Amino acid sequence: MVKELLENALDAGANRIRVDVEAGGRKLIRIADDGHGMNRDDALLAFERHATSKLRTADDLLSIATLGFRGEALPSIASVARVTLETSPAPSRIRRKAAPWAHTWKSQEGRSCM
């Protein structure tokens, strides 16, 4: 799980990545990065099974240059854990928070996610 989330951070252009783990990952696994965030639609799409924001046409399959489809691991992780996604797409200062287990989506002005 951590590997998938680290790859997502790298694909998002992160220069800094912080990993927090509590109780061997049974209580908490948090990945925070300074990569470019996702807009609201892509963040919500990331929790849908078999969905990706990287492919818009069939030809896009021939030019994938990332470690993975950003968000492909999130539906699997969210099916067995309480996942909260915080994202703040540049240049916006609005932090967006999705918690699919709680069926919530919130926007908050101010601090970044890192």
Foldseek 3Di string as FASTA:
>chain_A
DVVLVVQLQVQLVFPDWDWDDDPNNPVDTDIFTDGAWDDPVQVVQLQDAPGAPQDDDPCSVVVDDGPDGNSNCNNVCVVPDFDKDWHAGPPAQKIWIDTVVVPDIDIDGHHGRD
